[in-house]
């Protein structure tokens, strides 16, 4: 899926990309949306976008997950009910535009 056009913020660009990934059958998303006016990216923006993605995902218990970002590398920490939720949270983080790597330190309640 290719996304084109213009939006007013990086947050809007990231949300559009996330929603595209969540469409059943999507195998790849090329997010070519332009942000106008131009906006500098930073780790705090990425952290906020990942946190929003986790909150919006009905399959993830977001309130138990701490998100941090350094140099576009997202780290997930906390305890989730099961391994599937840990995997879903990691996928959601990868779906966010600007993420270069995801470090998944999530543990399950059984660990």
N, C-alpha and C. Protein backbone atom coordinates (compact mmCIF):
# COMPACT_ATOMS: atom_id res chain seq x y z
N UNK A 1 0.85 -1.15 0.00
CA UNK A 1 0.00 0.00 0.00
C UNK A 1 0.91 1.23 0.00
N UNK A 2 0.59 2.21 -0.82
CA UNK A 2 1.36 3.44 -0.89
C UNK A 2 0.49 4.60 -0.43
N UNK A 3 1.01 5.38 0.49
CA UNK A 3 0.31 6.55 0.99
C UNK A 3 0.97 7.80 0.44
N UNK A 4 0.19 8.66 -0.17
CA UNK A 4 0.67 9.92 -0.72
C UNK A 4 -0.22 11.05 -0.22
N UNK A 5 0.25 12.27 -0.44
CA UNK A 5 -0.53 13.45 -0.06
C UNK A 5 0.22 14.28 0.95
N UNK A 6 -0.51 15.16 1.62
CA UNK A 6 0.07 16.06 2.60
C UNK A 6 -0.75 16.04 3.89
N UNK A 7 -0.05 16.17 5.01
CA UNK A 7 -0.70 16.32 6.32
C UNK A 7 0.01 17.44 7.07
N UNK A 8 -0.60 17.87 8.15
CA UNK A 8 -0.08 19.02 8.89
C UNK A 8 0.91 18.68 9.99
N UNK A 9 1.11 17.37 10.29
CA UNK A 9 2.06 17.03 11.36
C UNK A 9 2.59 15.61 11.19
N UNK A 10 3.73 15.36 11.82
CA UNK A 10 4.29 14.00 11.81
C UNK A 10 3.35 13.02 12.50
N UNK A 11 2.65 13.49 13.51
CA UNK A 11 1.69 12.62 14.21
C UNK A 11 0.62 12.11 13.25
N UNK A 12 0.12 12.99 12.38
CA UNK A 12 -0.88 12.58 11.40
C UNK A 12 -0.29 11.58 10.40
N UNK A 13 0.93 11.82 9.97
CA UNK A 13 1.60 10.90 9.04
C UNK A 13 1.74 9.53 9.69
N UNK A 14 2.18 9.51 10.93
CA UNK A 14 2.37 8.24 11.64
C UNK A 14 1.04 7.50 11.84
N UNK A 15 0.00 8.23 12.20
CA UNK A 15 -1.31 7.60 12.41
C UNK A 15 -1.83 7.01 11.11
N UNK A 16 -1.67 7.72 10.01
CA UNK A 16 -2.10 7.19 8.71
C UNK A 16 -1.36 5.91 8.38
N UNK A 17 -0.06 5.88 8.62
CA UNK A 17 0.73 4.67 8.36
C UNK A 17 0.29 3.51 9.23
N UNK A 18 0.05 3.78 10.51
CA UNK A 18 -0.41 2.73 11.43
C UNK A 18 -1.74 2.14 10.96
N UNK A 19 -2.67 3.01 10.62
CA UNK A 19 -3.99 2.54 10.17
C UNK A 19 -3.86 1.72 8.89
N UNK A 20 -2.94 2.10 8.01
CA UNK A 20 -2.73 1.32 6.78
C UNK A 20 -2.21 -0.07 7.12
N UNK A 21 -1.31 -0.17 8.07
CA UNK A 21 -0.79 -1.48 8.47
C UNK A 21 -1.88 -2.36 9.06
N UNK A 22 -2.84 -1.76 9.73
CA UNK A 22 -3.89 -2.53 10.38
C UNK A 22 -4.96 -3.02 9.40
N UNK A 23 -4.92 -2.61 8.13
CA UNK A 23 -5.88 -3.10 7.15
C UNK A 23 -5.57 -4.57 6.85
N UNK A 24 -6.56 -5.46 7.02
CA UNK A 24 -6.31 -6.88 6.77
C UNK A 24 -5.73 -7.12 5.38
N UNK A 25 -4.71 -7.96 5.32
CA UNK A 25 -4.09 -8.31 4.06
C UNK A 25 -2.92 -7.42 3.67
N UNK A 26 -2.66 -6.36 4.43
CA UNK A 26 -1.56 -5.46 4.11
C UNK A 26 -0.23 -6.17 4.36
N UNK A 27 0.64 -6.11 3.35
CA UNK A 27 1.96 -6.73 3.48
C UNK A 27 3.09 -5.72 3.54
N UNK A 28 2.83 -4.52 3.04
CA UNK A 28 3.85 -3.47 3.08
C UNK A 28 3.16 -2.12 2.95
N UNK A 29 3.71 -1.14 3.64
CA UNK A 29 3.20 0.22 3.56
C UNK A 29 4.37 1.14 3.23
N UNK A 30 4.22 1.90 2.16
CA UNK A 30 5.19 2.93 1.80
C UNK A 30 4.54 4.26 2.13
N UNK A 31 5.04 4.88 3.18
CA UNK A 31 4.43 6.12 3.66
C UNK A 31 5.14 7.31 3.03
N UNK A 32 4.62 7.74 1.90
CA UNK A 32 5.18 8.87 1.17
C UNK A 32 4.48 10.19 1.46
N UNK A 33 3.71 10.23 2.53
CA UNK A 33 2.99 11.44 2.89
C UNK A 33 3.99 12.54 3.28
N UNK A 34 3.75 13.73 2.76
CA UNK A 34 4.59 14.88 3.11
C UNK A 34 3.97 15.64 4.27
N UNK A 35 4.84 16.13 5.15
CA UNK A 35 4.40 16.97 6.26
C UNK A 35 4.68 18.42 5.87
N UNK A 36 3.59 19.22 5.81
CA UNK A 36 3.73 20.64 5.46
C UNK A 36 2.98 21.48 6.47
N UNK A 37 3.64 22.42 7.11
CA UNK A 37 5.04 22.76 6.92
C UNK A 37 5.95 21.68 7.51
N UNK A 38 7.19 21.64 7.01
CA UNK A 38 8.16 20.66 7.47
C UNK A 38 8.28 20.69 8.98
N UNK A 39 8.46 19.52 9.56
CA UNK A 39 8.56 19.40 11.01
C UNK A 39 9.76 18.50 11.33
N UNK A 40 10.65 18.96 12.19
CA UNK A 40 11.78 18.13 12.62
C UNK A 40 11.26 16.97 13.45
N UNK A 41 11.85 15.81 13.24
CA UNK A 41 11.49 14.62 14.00
C UNK A 41 12.39 14.51 15.21
N UNK A 42 11.91 13.79 16.24
CA UNK A 42 12.73 13.54 17.42
C UNK A 42 12.22 12.32 18.17
N UNK A 43 13.00 11.85 19.10
CA UNK A 43 12.66 10.64 19.84
C UNK A 43 11.38 10.77 20.65
N UNK A 44 11.11 11.95 21.20
CA UNK A 44 9.88 12.15 21.97
C UNK A 44 8.65 11.98 21.09
N UNK A 45 8.71 12.47 19.85
CA UNK A 45 7.60 12.31 18.91
C UNK A 45 7.35 10.82 18.62
N UNK A 46 8.43 10.08 18.42
CA UNK A 46 8.30 8.65 18.14
C UNK A 46 7.70 7.94 19.35
N UNK A 47 8.20 8.25 20.55
CA UNK A 47 7.67 7.63 21.77
C UNK A 47 6.18 7.89 21.91
N UNK A 48 5.76 9.12 21.68
CA UNK A 48 4.34 9.46 21.79
C UNK A 48 3.51 8.70 20.76
N UNK A 49 4.03 8.57 19.55
CA UNK A 49 3.29 7.86 18.50
C UNK A 49 3.14 6.38 18.84
N UNK A 50 4.19 5.77 19.35
CA UNK A 50 4.11 4.34 19.73
C UNK A 50 3.12 4.17 20.87
N UNK A 51 3.16 5.06 21.86
CA UNK A 51 2.22 4.98 22.98
C UNK A 51 0.78 5.08 22.50
N UNK A 52 0.52 5.98 21.56
CA UNK A 52 -0.83 6.12 21.01
C UNK A 52 -1.23 4.86 20.25
N UNK A 53 -0.30 4.30 19.49
CA UNK A 53 -0.59 3.07 18.75
C UNK A 53 -0.98 1.94 19.70
N UNK A 54 -0.26 1.82 20.80
CA UNK A 54 -0.56 0.76 21.78
C UNK A 54 -1.92 1.00 22.43
N UNK A 55 -2.23 2.26 22.73
CA UNK A 55 -3.53 2.59 23.33
C UNK A 55 -4.68 2.28 22.39
N UNK A 56 -4.47 2.48 21.09
CA UNK A 56 -5.53 2.27 20.10
C UNK A 56 -5.73 0.79 19.74
N UNK A 57 -4.72 -0.03 20.02
CA UNK A 57 -4.80 -1.45 19.68
C UNK A 57 -5.61 -2.18 20.75
N UNK A 58 -6.78 -2.67 20.35
CA UNK A 58 -7.67 -3.36 21.29
C UNK A 58 -7.09 -4.68 21.78
N UNK A 59 -6.06 -5.19 21.13
CA UNK A 59 -5.46 -6.47 21.51
C UNK A 59 -4.28 -6.32 22.47
N UNK A 60 -4.00 -5.08 22.89
CA UNK A 60 -2.84 -4.82 23.74
C UNK A 60 -3.28 -4.08 25.00
N UNK A 61 -2.73 -4.49 26.14
CA UNK A 61 -2.97 -3.81 27.41
C UNK A 61 -1.89 -2.73 27.57
N UNK A 62 -2.17 -1.56 27.03
CA UNK A 62 -1.16 -0.50 26.90
C UNK A 62 -0.73 0.09 28.24
N UNK A 63 -1.61 0.10 29.23
CA UNK A 63 -1.27 0.77 30.49
C UNK A 63 -0.16 0.07 31.26
N UNK A 64 0.21 -1.14 30.87
CA UNK A 64 1.29 -1.85 31.55
C UNK A 64 2.60 -1.82 30.76
N UNK A 65 2.64 -1.01 29.70
CA UNK A 65 3.82 -0.97 28.83
C UNK A 65 4.46 0.41 28.89
N UNK A 66 5.76 0.44 29.19
CA UNK A 66 6.54 1.68 29.17
C UNK A 66 7.28 1.74 27.84
N UNK A 67 7.16 2.87 27.16
CA UNK A 67 7.82 3.08 25.86
C UNK A 67 8.89 4.14 26.02
N UNK A 68 10.06 3.87 25.49
CA UNK A 68 11.11 4.88 25.43
C UNK A 68 11.80 4.79 24.07
N UNK A 69 12.41 5.89 23.65
CA UNK A 69 13.07 5.92 22.35
C UNK A 69 14.39 6.66 22.49
N UNK A 70 15.41 6.09 21.87
CA UNK A 70 16.71 6.76 21.81
C UNK A 70 17.31 6.51 20.44
N UNK A 71 17.60 7.59 19.72
CA UNK A 71 18.15 7.50 18.37
C UNK A 71 17.29 6.63 17.46
N UNK A 72 15.98 6.80 17.54
CA UNK A 72 14.98 6.09 16.73
C UNK A 72 14.86 4.60 17.05
N UNK A 73 15.45 4.17 18.17
CA UNK A 73 15.32 2.79 18.64
C UNK A 73 14.32 2.79 19.79
N UNK A 74 13.22 2.08 19.60
CA UNK A 74 12.14 2.02 20.59
C UNK A 74 12.37 0.83 21.51
N UNK A 75 12.23 1.08 22.82
CA UNK A 75 12.32 0.01 23.81
C UNK A 75 10.97 -0.12 24.51
N UNK A 76 10.48 -1.35 24.58
CA UNK A 76 9.23 -1.66 25.27
C UNK A 76 9.56 -2.43 26.54
N UNK A 77 9.02 -1.97 27.68
CA UNK A 77 9.26 -2.64 28.96
C UNK A 77 7.95 -2.76 29.72
N UNK A 78 7.85 -3.79 30.55
CA UNK A 78 6.67 -3.98 31.37
C UNK A 78 6.23 -5.43 31.37
N UNK A 79 5.06 -5.65 31.94
CA UNK A 79 4.50 -6.99 32.04
C UNK A 79 3.14 -7.00 31.34
N UNK A 80 2.97 -7.96 30.43
CA UNK A 80 1.72 -8.13 29.70
C UNK A 80 1.15 -9.52 30.02
N UNK A 81 -0.14 -9.72 29.79
CA UNK A 81 -0.76 -10.99 30.17
C UNK A 81 -0.20 -12.23 29.46
N UNK A 82 0.23 -12.08 28.21
CA UNK A 82 0.69 -13.26 27.47
C UNK A 82 1.67 -12.86 26.37
N UNK A 83 2.32 -13.86 25.80
CA UNK A 83 3.33 -13.64 24.77
C UNK A 83 2.72 -12.99 23.52
N UNK A 84 1.50 -13.33 23.19
CA UNK A 84 0.83 -12.76 22.02
C UNK A 84 0.74 -11.23 22.13
N UNK A 85 0.42 -10.73 23.32
CA UNK A 85 0.34 -9.28 23.50
C UNK A 85 1.72 -8.64 23.35
N UNK A 86 2.74 -9.31 23.83
CA UNK A 86 4.11 -8.78 23.67
C UNK A 86 4.47 -8.69 22.19
N UNK A 87 4.07 -9.69 21.43
CA UNK A 87 4.34 -9.69 19.99
C UNK A 87 3.54 -8.60 19.28
N UNK A 88 2.28 -8.42 19.66
CA UNK A 88 1.44 -7.40 19.05
C UNK A 88 1.99 -6.00 19.35
N UNK A 89 2.43 -5.78 20.58
CA UNK A 89 2.99 -4.48 20.95
C UNK A 89 4.25 -4.19 20.13
N UNK A 90 5.08 -5.20 19.94
CA UNK A 90 6.28 -5.02 19.13
C UNK A 90 5.91 -4.69 17.68
N UNK A 91 4.94 -5.39 17.14
CA UNK A 91 4.50 -5.10 15.77
C UNK A 91 3.98 -3.68 15.66
N UNK A 92 3.18 -3.24 16.63
CA UNK A 92 2.66 -1.88 16.60
C UNK A 92 3.79 -0.86 16.59
N UNK A 93 4.83 -1.11 17.37
CA UNK A 93 5.97 -0.18 17.40
C UNK A 93 6.66 -0.14 16.03
N UNK A 94 6.84 -1.31 15.40
CA UNK A 94 7.47 -1.36 14.08
C UNK A 94 6.65 -0.61 13.03
N UNK A 95 5.33 -0.57 13.19
CA UNK A 95 4.47 0.08 12.21
C UNK A 95 4.61 1.60 12.19
N UNK A 96 5.24 2.17 13.20
CA UNK A 96 5.34 3.62 13.31
C UNK A 96 6.48 4.16 12.45
N UNK A 97 6.15 5.10 11.60
CA UNK A 97 7.13 5.74 10.72
C UNK A 97 8.24 6.36 11.57
N UNK A 98 9.48 6.11 11.19
CA UNK A 98 10.63 6.69 11.89
C UNK A 98 11.31 5.75 12.85
N UNK A 99 10.70 4.60 13.11
CA UNK A 99 11.30 3.62 14.02
C UNK A 99 12.33 2.80 13.24
N UNK A 100 13.58 2.79 13.74
CA UNK A 100 14.65 2.03 13.08
C UNK A 100 14.83 0.64 13.67
N UNK A 101 14.45 0.49 14.93
CA UNK A 101 14.63 -0.80 15.61
C UNK A 101 13.71 -0.84 16.82
N UNK A 102 13.29 -2.05 17.20
CA UNK A 102 12.46 -2.23 18.39
C UNK A 102 13.14 -3.25 19.30
N UNK A 103 13.32 -2.86 20.56
CA UNK A 103 13.87 -3.76 21.58
C UNK A 103 12.70 -4.13 22.48
N UNK A 104 12.33 -5.41 22.46
CA UNK A 104 11.16 -5.86 23.21
C UNK A 104 11.62 -6.53 24.50
N UNK A 105 11.49 -5.78 25.60
CA UNK A 105 11.82 -6.31 26.93
C UNK A 105 10.55 -6.63 27.71
N UNK A 106 9.44 -6.82 27.02
CA UNK A 106 8.18 -7.14 27.69
C UNK A 106 8.25 -8.55 28.25
N UNK A 107 7.74 -8.70 29.45
CA UNK A 107 7.64 -10.01 30.09
C UNK A 107 6.17 -10.37 30.21
N UNK A 108 5.91 -11.66 30.31
CA UNK A 108 4.53 -12.09 30.51
C UNK A 108 4.29 -12.33 31.99
N UNK A 109 3.03 -12.33 32.38
CA UNK A 109 2.68 -12.52 33.79
C UNK A 109 3.18 -13.87 34.31
N UNK A 110 3.36 -14.85 33.42
CA UNK A 110 3.82 -16.18 33.83
C UNK A 110 5.33 -16.24 34.03
N UNK A 111 6.08 -15.26 33.54
CA UNK A 111 7.54 -15.30 33.64
C UNK A 111 8.02 -14.83 34.98
